[in-house]
Amino acid sequence: MGLFKKKTVKKTYERENMRPIIRAGICTGEQIAGFKDIRTGKMEEIMLIKSPEDLENFKSIYGITEEIAKEY
C-alpha cells in the first residue's frame, strides 16, 4: 500500500566547472556515477550504479539529459 510516494529532490552541480561521468572498473565492472572537475581532474563520487534504473535516477536527480561518458 503506497500512501506516501518517495520524493525526488532536484540537486545541482557546477555546469561550468564539472561534467557528469561514470567511472567503470575494468575487472569487476563496477560503475560509479559522479562529477569530474574539468580544472583539476578530480572526481566527486555520488552513487553506485547497479542497474539502468539507478543511472536514470542519477540523471533525473541532477537534471542531466545528455549521454554520460564512461571512464575506465
C-alpha atoms as a PDB file:
ATOM      1  CA  MET A   1       0.000   0.000   0.000  1.00  0.00           C
ATOM      2  CA  GLY A   2       1.721   3.167  -1.120  1.00  0.00           C
ATOM      3  CA  LEU A   3       0.250   6.158   0.608  1.00  0.00           C
ATOM      4  CA  PHE A   4       3.488   8.065   0.655  1.00  0.00           C
ATOM      5  CA  LYS A   5       5.481   8.457  -2.517  1.00  0.00           C
ATOM      6  CA  LYS A   6       9.237   8.918  -2.341  1.00  0.00           C
ATOM      7  CA  LYS A   7      10.034  12.446  -3.444  1.00  0.00           C
ATOM      8  CA  THR A   8      12.882  13.097  -5.842  1.00  0.00           C
ATOM      9  CA  VAL A   9      14.862  16.093  -4.683  1.00  0.00           C
ATOM     10  CA  LYS A  10      16.459  18.038  -7.526  1.00  0.00           C
ATOM     11  CA  LYS A  11      20.113  18.832  -6.916  1.00  0.00           C
ATOM     12  CA  THR A  12      22.500  20.985  -8.891  1.00  0.00           C
ATOM     13  CA  TYR A  13      26.176  20.960  -9.804  1.00  0.00           C
ATOM     14  CA  GLU A  14      28.560  23.494 -11.316  1.00  0.00           C
ATOM     15  CA  ARG A  15      27.923  23.022 -15.022  1.00  0.00           C
ATOM     16  CA  GLU A  16      30.797  25.361 -15.984  1.00  0.00           C
ATOM     17  CA  ASN A  17      33.471  23.527 -13.969  1.00  0.00           C
ATOM     18  CA  MET A  18      32.178  19.968 -13.639  1.00  0.00           C
ATOM     19  CA  ARG A  19      30.880  17.350 -16.022  1.00  0.00           C
ATOM     20  CA  PRO A  20      28.951  14.153 -15.271  1.00  0.00           C
ATOM     21  CA  ILE A  21      30.919  10.943 -15.709  1.00  0.00           C
ATOM     22  CA  ILE A  22      30.669   7.234 -14.946  1.00  0.00           C
ATOM     23  CA  ARG A  23      33.802   5.528 -13.676  1.00  0.00           C
ATOM     24  CA  ALA A  24      33.731   1.820 -14.587  1.00  0.00           C
ATOM     25  CA  GLY A  25      36.082  -0.801 -13.184  1.00  0.00           C
ATOM     26  CA  ILE A  26      37.798  -2.954 -15.788  1.00  0.00           C
ATOM     27  CA  CYS A  27      37.955  -6.143 -13.705  1.00  0.00           C
ATOM     28  CA  THR A  28      34.720  -6.065 -11.723  1.00  0.00           C
ATOM     29  CA  GLY A  29      32.546  -3.924 -13.970  1.00  0.00           C
ATOM     30  CA  GLU A  30      31.537  -1.766 -11.003  1.00  0.00           C
ATOM     31  CA  GLN A  31      30.148   1.600 -12.094  1.00  0.00           C
ATOM     32  CA  ILE A  32      30.183   4.785 -10.031  1.00  0.00           C
ATOM     33  CA  ALA A  33      28.392   7.939 -11.157  1.00  0.00           C
ATOM     34  CA  GLY A  34      29.764  11.329 -10.199  1.00  0.00           C
ATOM     35  CA  PHE A  35      31.173  14.592 -11.421  1.00  0.00           C
ATOM     36  CA  LYS A  36      34.679  15.299 -12.695  1.00  0.00           C
ATOM     37  CA  ASP A  37      36.221  18.706 -12.131  1.00  0.00           C
ATOM     38  CA  ILE A  38      37.435  19.971 -15.505  1.00  0.00           C
ATOM     39  CA  ARG A  39      40.228  22.076 -13.981  1.00  0.00           C
ATOM     40  CA  THR A  40      41.764  19.572 -11.552  1.00  0.00           C
ATOM     41  CA  GLY A  41      40.649  16.225 -12.979  1.00  0.00           C
ATOM     42  CA  LYS A  42      39.384  15.016  -9.600  1.00  0.00           C
ATOM     43  CA  MET A  43      36.162  13.039  -9.445  1.00  0.00           C
ATOM     44  CA  GLU A  44      33.473  13.501  -6.823  1.00  0.00           C
ATOM     45  CA  GLU A  45      31.717  10.143  -6.438  1.00  0.00           C
ATOM     46  CA  ILE A  46      27.960  10.419  -5.928  1.00  0.00           C
ATOM     47  CA  MET A  47      26.368   6.990  -6.223  1.00  0.00           C
ATOM     48  CA  LEU A  48      26.929   3.356  -7.183  1.00  0.00           C
ATOM     49  CA  ILE A  49      25.196   2.270 -10.375  1.00  0.00           C
ATOM     50  CA  LYS A  50      23.868  -1.296 -10.102  1.00  0.00           C
ATOM     51  CA  SER A  51      21.156  -1.170 -12.762  1.00  0.00           C
ATOM     52  CA  PRO A  52      19.867   1.038 -15.585  1.00  0.00           C
ATOM     53  CA  GLU A  53      17.227   2.349 -13.170  1.00  0.00           C
ATOM     54  CA  ASP A  54      19.998   3.683 -10.888  1.00  0.00           C
ATOM     55  CA  LEU A  55      21.505   5.566 -13.839  1.00  0.00           C
ATOM     56  CA  GLU A  56      18.133   7.063 -14.763  1.00  0.00           C
ATOM     57  CA  ASN A  57      17.597   8.055 -11.127  1.00  0.00           C
ATOM     58  CA  PHE A  58      21.005   9.805 -11.061  1.00  0.00           C
ATOM     59  CA  LYS A  59      20.186  11.656 -14.277  1.00  0.00           C
ATOM     60  CA  SER A  60      16.774  12.754 -13.021  1.00  0.00           C
ATOM     61  CA  ILE A  61      18.116  13.966  -9.654  1.00  0.00           C
ATOM     62  CA  TYR A  62      20.665  16.251 -11.315  1.00  0.00           C
ATOM     63  CA  GLY A  63      18.623  17.135 -14.428  1.00  0.00           C
ATOM     64  CA  ILE A  64      21.062  15.544 -16.877  1.00  0.00           C
ATOM     65  CA  THR A  65      19.621  14.994 -20.336  1.00  0.00           C
ATOM     66  CA  GLU A  66      22.728  14.250 -22.388  1.00  0.00           C
ATOM     67  CA  GLU A  67      24.602  10.945 -22.574  1.00  0.00           C
ATOM     68  CA  ILE A  68      27.135  10.454 -19.759  1.00  0.00           C
ATOM     69  CA  ALA A  69      30.673   9.493 -20.748  1.00  0.00           C
ATOM     70  CA  LYS A  70      32.348   6.420 -19.233  1.00  0.00           C
ATOM     71  CA  GLU A  71      35.892   6.459 -17.924  1.00  0.00           C
ATOM     72  CA  TYR A  72      37.888   3.275 -17.276  1.00  0.00           C
END
